């Protein structure tokens, strides 16, 4: 019989609902509790609980104290992550945190140190690493098929936030600073780090051009990596969905294009151009990447396999995020801590 991990989902907003529904299909994770403080959303959670067989509570402490909860999944506003990770870890609960892990490098260091001291697993919501096309790309890079990686070009844009009420936390400078970064761009920063390692500096420009979002809707990023490689990243919140990730190497390039938003993936078109060969494009079918990430987290807890996103990569991602936010404000090239 397959072992499973009992989890509490904290936050039953847009993404909390998706994660809870996704885990209904997993043999490795069992949602026993959902925590939601908003009265209206609490009522929605209660309705879902009737068919999904979980309890509902109003306070984070209810999950931390719950004797049957082994792990906590954080789907809460970014500024709460650092404290919630530390509280959960100190109580012996494993923690899976939606991106970004924290908003400052110092907070990320503290959160990771607390998890290590408590001996609990830490996971992060960078499910794009688990897309089959991305995994195949990374294998090709490791095998040397593309040669030396020269530059990355990537885009993750959408207009889903137009459906949110103006007071939603995702549109707030306080709760989601540099909105296109914390919403979508952070995934591309993570993939760039997964391929090239920690970045050393960044220049970023943020504007509000197609909306009334106070935390911006148009972001351009240039990440500089040791040795001269770059990552050029675009993240926009005021245009229809587009998703692209392309790696240029000394022997060829490979591009992944999303057919639809990763919330409901319908597959990827992958184009490869190697020197001296014909360009090739093939389709890769959709896969449950959110569930795959969470199940990798569960396997880390159960001792089946190490969780594939390292703590060094988590720290490098937060260091880049913090520097991007500084650069968007200063207009200058900013060094990345790490």
Protein backbone atom coordinates (compact mmCIF):
# COMPACT_ATOMS: atom_id res chain seq x y z
CA UNK A 1 0.00 0.00 0.00
CA UNK A 2 1.35 3.43 -1.03
CA UNK A 3 2.19 5.73 1.84
CA UNK A 4 0.67 9.18 1.72
CA UNK A 5 1.28 12.52 3.43
CA UNK A 6 -1.57 14.36 5.18
CA UNK A 7 -1.50 18.04 4.24
CA UNK A 8 -3.22 21.30 5.12
CA UNK A 9 -3.73 23.87 2.35
CA UNK A 10 -3.46 27.42 3.66
CA UNK A 11 -5.48 29.82 1.51
CA UNK A 12 -8.43 28.78 -0.66
CA UNK A 13 -8.22 31.50 -3.28
CA UNK A 14 -7.63 30.91 -7.00
CA UNK A 15 -4.47 28.84 -6.65
CA UNK A 16 -5.42 27.15 -3.38
CA UNK A 17 -8.54 25.78 -5.08
CA UNK A 18 -6.46 24.47 -7.99
CA UNK A 19 -3.97 22.73 -5.71
CA UNK A 20 -6.69 21.19 -3.53
CA UNK A 21 -8.56 19.88 -6.57
CA UNK A 22 -5.33 18.61 -8.15
CA UNK A 23 -4.42 16.62 -5.07
CA UNK A 24 -7.69 14.70 -5.18
CA UNK A 25 -5.99 12.61 -7.89
CA UNK A 26 -2.76 12.00 -5.98
CA UNK A 27 -2.03 8.78 -4.07
CA UNK A 28 0.84 10.52 -2.25
CA UNK A 29 -0.87 13.55 -0.68
CA UNK A 30 -4.13 13.69 1.21
CA UNK A 31 -5.75 17.06 1.95
CA UNK A 32 -7.20 16.79 5.46
CA UNK A 33 -7.58 20.50 6.23
CA UNK A 34 -8.08 23.80 4.42
CA UNK A 35 -7.50 27.09 6.24
CA UNK A 36 -9.18 30.27 4.98
CA UNK A 37 -9.63 33.53 6.92
CA UNK A 38 -11.82 35.41 4.42
CA UNK A 39 -15.49 34.83 5.43
CA UNK A 40 -16.82 34.53 1.87
CA UNK A 41 -14.05 32.23 0.71
CA UNK A 42 -14.45 30.23 3.94
CA UNK A 43 -18.03 29.45 2.89
CA UNK A 44 -16.79 28.29 -0.51
CA UNK A 45 -14.28 26.00 1.19
CA UNK A 46 -17.02 24.52 3.35
CA UNK A 47 -19.03 23.64 0.24
CA UNK A 48 -15.98 22.00 -1.37
CA UNK A 49 -15.26 20.10 1.84
CA UNK A 50 -18.51 18.18 1.48
CA UNK A 51 -17.33 16.45 -1.68
CA UNK A 52 -13.57 16.44 -1.11
CA UNK A 53 -13.64 15.16 2.46
CA UNK A 54 -11.51 17.72 4.30
CA UNK A 55 -12.07 19.93 7.34
CA UNK A 56 -12.10 23.74 7.20
CA UNK A 57 -10.55 26.13 9.73
CA UNK A 58 -10.09 29.89 9.94
CA UNK A 59 -6.65 30.32 11.47
CA UNK A 60 -3.15 29.26 10.44
CA UNK A 61 -2.49 28.04 13.98
CA UNK A 62 -5.24 25.43 13.49
CA UNK A 63 -3.08 23.75 10.86
CA UNK A 64 0.14 24.07 12.86
CA UNK A 65 -1.46 22.44 15.91
CA UNK A 66 -3.43 19.78 14.02
CA UNK A 67 -2.13 16.33 15.06
CA UNK A 68 -2.95 14.69 11.71
CA UNK A 69 -1.33 17.34 9.52
CA UNK A 70 2.17 16.31 8.46
CA UNK A 71 2.82 19.02 5.88
CA UNK A 72 1.55 22.51 5.13
CA UNK A 73 1.02 23.95 1.65
CA UNK A 74 1.15 27.76 1.64
CA UNK A 75 -1.06 29.53 -0.92
CA UNK A 76 -0.98 32.82 0.96
CA UNK A 77 0.14 36.37 0.08
CA UNK A 78 3.90 36.62 -0.34
CA UNK A 79 4.64 38.78 2.69
CA UNK A 80 3.36 36.04 5.03
CA UNK A 81 5.58 33.26 3.69
CA UNK A 82 8.70 33.84 5.78
CA UNK A 83 6.90 33.79 9.14
CA UNK A 84 4.53 30.97 8.19
CA UNK A 85 7.38 28.73 6.99
CA UNK A 86 9.23 29.24 10.25
CA UNK A 87 6.15 28.65 12.42
CA UNK A 88 5.24 25.47 10.55
CA UNK A 89 8.79 24.10 10.55
CA UNK A 90 9.25 24.84 14.26
CA UNK A 91 6.13 22.72 14.87
CA UNK A 92 7.65 19.84 12.91
CA UNK A 93 5.53 20.28 9.80
CA UNK A 94 7.01 19.91 6.32
CA UNK A 95 6.39 23.00 4.18
CA UNK A 96 5.55 23.50 0.53
CA UNK A 97 5.43 27.21 -0.31
CA UNK A 98 3.97 28.78 -3.41
CA UNK A 99 6.37 31.13 -5.20
CA UNK A 100 8.06 33.34 -4.31
CA UNK A 101 9.55 31.61 -1.28
CA UNK A 102 10.17 34.96 0.42
CA UNK A 103 10.52 38.60 -0.62
CA UNK A 104 14.03 39.12 0.79
CA UNK A 105 17.21 37.06 0.75
CA UNK A 106 17.57 37.42 4.52
CA UNK A 107 14.06 36.05 5.12
CA UNK A 108 14.75 33.13 2.77
CA UNK A 109 17.93 32.31 4.69
CA UNK A 110 16.00 32.27 7.98
CA UNK A 111 13.18 30.16 6.54
CA UNK A 112 15.56 27.58 5.12
CA UNK A 113 17.64 27.49 8.31
CA UNK A 114 14.51 26.86 10.38
CA UNK A 115 13.47 23.97 8.13
CA UNK A 116 16.93 22.43 8.33
CA UNK A 117 17.08 22.79 12.11
CA UNK A 118 13.70 21.06 12.40
CA UNK A 119 14.62 18.36 9.90
CA UNK A 120 11.61 19.04 7.67
CA UNK A 121 11.31 19.05 3.89
CA UNK A 122 10.92 22.38 2.10
CA UNK A 123 9.28 22.55 -1.33
CA UNK A 124 8.63 25.45 -3.68
CA UNK A 125 5.90 26.11 -6.26
CA UNK A 126 8.07 26.20 -9.36
CA UNK A 127 6.08 23.59 -11.26
CA UNK A 128 7.42 24.71 -14.64
CA UNK A 129 10.56 22.67 -13.91
CA UNK A 130 8.30 19.60 -14.12
CA UNK A 131 6.99 20.29 -17.63
CA UNK A 132 8.14 17.38 -19.85
CA UNK A 133 9.46 19.82 -22.48
CA UNK A 134 11.57 21.67 -19.90
CA UNK A 135 12.90 18.40 -18.52
CA UNK A 136 13.84 17.27 -22.05
CA UNK A 137 15.53 20.63 -22.71
CA UNK A 138 17.62 20.37 -19.56
CA UNK A 139 18.65 16.82 -20.50
CA UNK A 140 19.75 18.06 -23.94
CA UNK A 141 21.78 20.87 -22.34
CA UNK A 142 23.44 18.46 -19.91
CA UNK A 143 24.25 16.11 -22.77
CA UNK A 144 25.95 18.95 -24.64
CA UNK A 145 23.55 18.82 -27.58
CA UNK A 146 23.22 22.62 -27.70
CA UNK A 147 26.87 23.26 -26.88
CA UNK A 148 27.74 26.10 -24.52
CA UNK A 149 24.65 28.02 -23.40
CA UNK A 150 25.01 31.60 -24.65
CA UNK A 151 21.70 33.24 -23.86
CA UNK A 152 18.13 32.59 -22.77
CA UNK A 153 15.07 34.43 -24.07
CA UNK A 154 11.79 33.89 -22.25
CA UNK A 155 8.29 35.28 -21.97
CA UNK A 156 5.37 34.51 -19.64
CA UNK A 157 2.52 36.95 -20.14
CA UNK A 158 -1.21 36.88 -19.46
CA UNK A 159 -4.29 39.02 -18.83
CA UNK A 160 -6.02 36.85 -16.22
CA UNK A 161 -5.73 39.54 -13.53
CA UNK A 162 -8.28 41.75 -15.29
CA UNK A 163 -10.88 39.41 -13.76
CA UNK A 164 -9.73 40.27 -10.22
CA UNK A 165 -11.40 42.97 -8.10
CA UNK A 166 -9.25 46.12 -7.76
CA UNK A 167 -8.60 45.42 -4.07
CA UNK A 168 -7.23 41.91 -4.67
CA UNK A 169 -3.84 41.43 -2.97
CA UNK A 170 -2.23 40.31 -6.25
CA UNK A 171 -2.65 43.88 -7.57
CA UNK A 172 -1.14 45.54 -4.50
CA UNK A 173 2.26 47.22 -4.30
CA UNK A 174 2.43 46.20 -0.65
CA UNK A 175 1.48 42.55 -1.02
CA UNK A 176 2.77 41.78 -4.54
CA UNK A 177 5.50 44.31 -5.42
CA UNK A 178 6.55 44.37 -9.08
CA UNK A 179 3.40 42.48 -10.03
CA UNK A 180 4.55 40.85 -13.29
CA UNK A 181 7.60 39.45 -11.49
CA UNK A 182 5.87 37.78 -8.56
CA UNK A 183 2.96 36.62 -10.77
CA UNK A 184 4.76 35.03 -13.72
CA UNK A 185 8.30 36.29 -14.29
CA UNK A 186 9.66 34.52 -11.22
CA UNK A 187 9.06 31.15 -12.92
CA UNK A 188 11.34 32.16 -15.80
CA UNK A 189 13.97 33.47 -13.41
CA UNK A 190 13.89 30.07 -11.71
CA UNK A 191 14.32 28.18 -15.00
CA UNK A 192 17.23 30.42 -15.97
CA UNK A 193 18.91 29.69 -12.63
CA UNK A 194 18.24 25.96 -13.05
CA UNK A 195 20.17 26.08 -16.34
CA UNK A 196 22.88 28.70 -15.71
CA UNK A 197 23.21 28.75 -11.92
CA UNK A 198 22.98 31.88 -9.73
CA UNK A 199 22.90 35.22 -11.57
CA UNK A 200 25.30 37.98 -10.54
CA UNK A 201 23.48 41.19 -11.56
CA UNK A 202 20.27 42.47 -13.13
CA UNK A 203 18.70 45.43 -14.90
CA UNK A 204 14.90 45.67 -14.88
CA UNK A 205 12.28 48.14 -16.07
CA UNK A 206 8.67 48.18 -14.82
CA UNK A 207 5.76 50.21 -16.21
CA UNK A 208 1.97 50.39 -16.09
CA UNK A 209 0.87 50.75 -19.72
CA UNK A 210 -2.21 48.58 -20.33
CA UNK A 211 -4.07 48.60 -17.01
CA UNK A 212 -4.67 50.45 -13.76
CA UNK A 213 -2.64 47.93 -11.72
CA UNK A 214 -0.69 49.85 -9.07
CA UNK A 215 2.09 47.25 -9.06
CA UNK A 216 2.73 47.45 -12.81
CA UNK A 217 1.79 45.42 -15.85
CA UNK A 218 4.87 45.47 -18.12
CA UNK A 219 8.28 44.17 -17.01
CA UNK A 220 11.54 43.62 -18.87
CA UNK A 221 14.49 41.91 -17.17
CA UNK A 222 18.10 41.27 -18.19
CA UNK A 223 19.88 38.86 -15.87
CA UNK A 224 23.66 38.60 -16.14
CA UNK A 225 25.39 35.33 -15.23
CA UNK A 226 29.06 34.62 -14.49
CA UNK A 227 30.99 33.94 -17.68
CA UNK A 228 28.91 36.26 -19.86
CA UNK A 229 25.61 34.42 -20.41
CA UNK A 230 22.38 36.42 -20.19
CA UNK A 231 18.68 35.78 -19.67
CA UNK A 232 16.25 38.23 -21.30
CA UNK A 233 12.87 37.88 -19.63
CA UNK A 234 9.51 39.48 -20.43
CA UNK A 235 6.48 39.37 -18.11
CA UNK A 236 3.29 41.26 -18.94
CA UNK A 237 -0.08 41.28 -17.16
CA UNK A 238 -2.07 43.26 -19.75
CA UNK A 239 -1.90 41.13 -22.90
CA UNK A 240 -3.42 37.77 -23.92
CA UNK A 241 -1.47 34.69 -22.86
CA UNK A 242 1.90 33.97 -24.40
CA UNK A 243 4.52 31.59 -23.11
CA UNK A 244 7.96 30.95 -24.58
CA UNK A 245 11.30 29.69 -23.30
CA UNK A 246 14.26 29.51 -25.66
CA UNK A 247 17.88 28.54 -25.00
CA UNK A 248 20.55 29.54 -27.51
CA UNK A 249 23.75 27.52 -27.50
CA UNK A 250 26.98 27.41 -29.49
CA UNK A 251 25.79 24.30 -31.36
CA UNK A 252 22.10 25.10 -31.70
CA UNK A 253 18.96 26.38 -30.01
CA UNK A 254 15.75 24.95 -28.57
CA UNK A 255 12.45 26.76 -28.04
CA UNK A 256 9.44 25.68 -25.99
CA UNK A 257 6.10 27.33 -26.73
CA UNK A 258 3.09 26.85 -24.47
CA UNK A 259 -0.17 26.18 -26.27
CA UNK A 260 -2.21 27.47 -23.33
CA UNK A 261 -1.73 28.93 -19.84
CA UNK A 262 -0.03 26.41 -17.50
CA UNK A 263 -3.11 26.52 -15.26
CA UNK A 264 -4.79 24.26 -17.85
CA UNK A 265 -1.95 22.95 -20.04
CA UNK A 266 -2.76 21.49 -23.46
CA UNK A 267 0.79 20.68 -24.46
CA UNK A 268 3.92 22.29 -25.82
CA UNK A 269 5.46 22.78 -29.27
CA UNK A 270 9.22 22.27 -29.16
CA UNK A 271 11.48 23.50 -31.97
CA UNK A 272 15.14 22.51 -32.22
CA UNK A 273 17.71 23.92 -34.63
CA UNK A 274 21.15 22.30 -34.55
CA UNK A 275 24.06 23.47 -36.69
CA UNK A 276 24.14 21.72 -40.05
CA UNK A 277 20.73 20.09 -39.57
CA UNK A 278 17.16 20.85 -40.55
CA UNK A 279 14.95 22.63 -38.04
CA UNK A 280 12.61 20.20 -36.27
CA UNK A 281 9.36 20.88 -34.39
CA UNK A 282 7.42 18.34 -32.37
CA UNK A 283 4.46 18.36 -29.98
CA UNK A 284 4.68 17.24 -26.36
CA UNK A 285 1.33 16.37 -24.72
CA UNK A 286 0.09 18.00 -21.51
CA UNK A 287 1.16 16.74 -18.11
CA UNK A 288 0.01 17.42 -14.51
CA UNK A 289 3.04 19.53 -13.57
CA UNK A 290 1.55 21.05 -10.39
CA UNK A 291 0.81 17.58 -9.06
CA UNK A 292 4.23 16.31 -10.17
CA UNK A 293 5.96 19.02 -8.13
CA UNK A 294 3.86 18.31 -5.05
CA UNK A 295 4.43 14.56 -5.40
CA UNK A 296 8.19 15.16 -5.64
CA UNK A 297 7.81 17.08 -2.36
CA UNK A 298 5.96 14.09 -0.87
CA UNK A 299 8.65 11.69 -2.10
CA UNK A 300 11.23 13.87 -0.37
CA UNK A 301 9.27 13.57 2.88
CA UNK A 302 8.86 9.81 2.47
CA UNK A 303 12.54 9.29 1.66
CA UNK A 304 11.82 7.92 -1.82
CA UNK A 305 13.92 10.50 -3.69
CA UNK A 306 15.54 13.87 -2.92
CA UNK A 307 13.41 16.90 -3.77
CA UNK A 308 14.87 18.14 -7.08
CA UNK A 309 14.89 21.89 -6.37
CA UNK A 310 17.91 22.56 -4.16
CA UNK A 311 17.98 25.06 -1.32
CA UNK A 312 20.85 26.86 -3.05
CA UNK A 313 18.59 27.37 -6.07
CA UNK A 314 15.76 28.61 -3.84
CA UNK A 315 18.11 31.17 -2.30
CA UNK A 316 19.47 32.22 -5.69
CA UNK A 317 15.92 32.78 -6.91
CA UNK A 318 15.00 35.01 -3.98
CA UNK A 319 18.29 36.89 -4.31
CA UNK A 320 17.47 37.59 -7.95
CA UNK A 321 13.89 38.60 -7.10
CA UNK A 322 15.06 41.09 -4.48
CA UNK A 323 17.60 42.62 -6.88
CA UNK A 324 15.01 42.83 -9.68
CA UNK A 325 12.68 44.74 -7.37
CA UNK A 326 15.51 47.11 -6.46
CA UNK A 327 16.44 47.64 -10.09
CA UNK A 328 12.82 48.27 -11.12
CA UNK A 329 12.79 51.07 -8.56
CA UNK A 330 16.25 52.52 -9.13
CA UNK A 331 16.54 52.08 -12.88
CA UNK A 332 20.10 50.88 -12.33
CA UNK A 333 21.99 47.63 -12.67
CA UNK A 334 21.81 45.94 -9.27
CA UNK A 335 24.09 43.27 -7.83
CA UNK A 336 22.46 40.02 -6.71
CA UNK A 337 23.16 38.76 -3.21
CA UNK A 338 24.35 35.22 -2.89
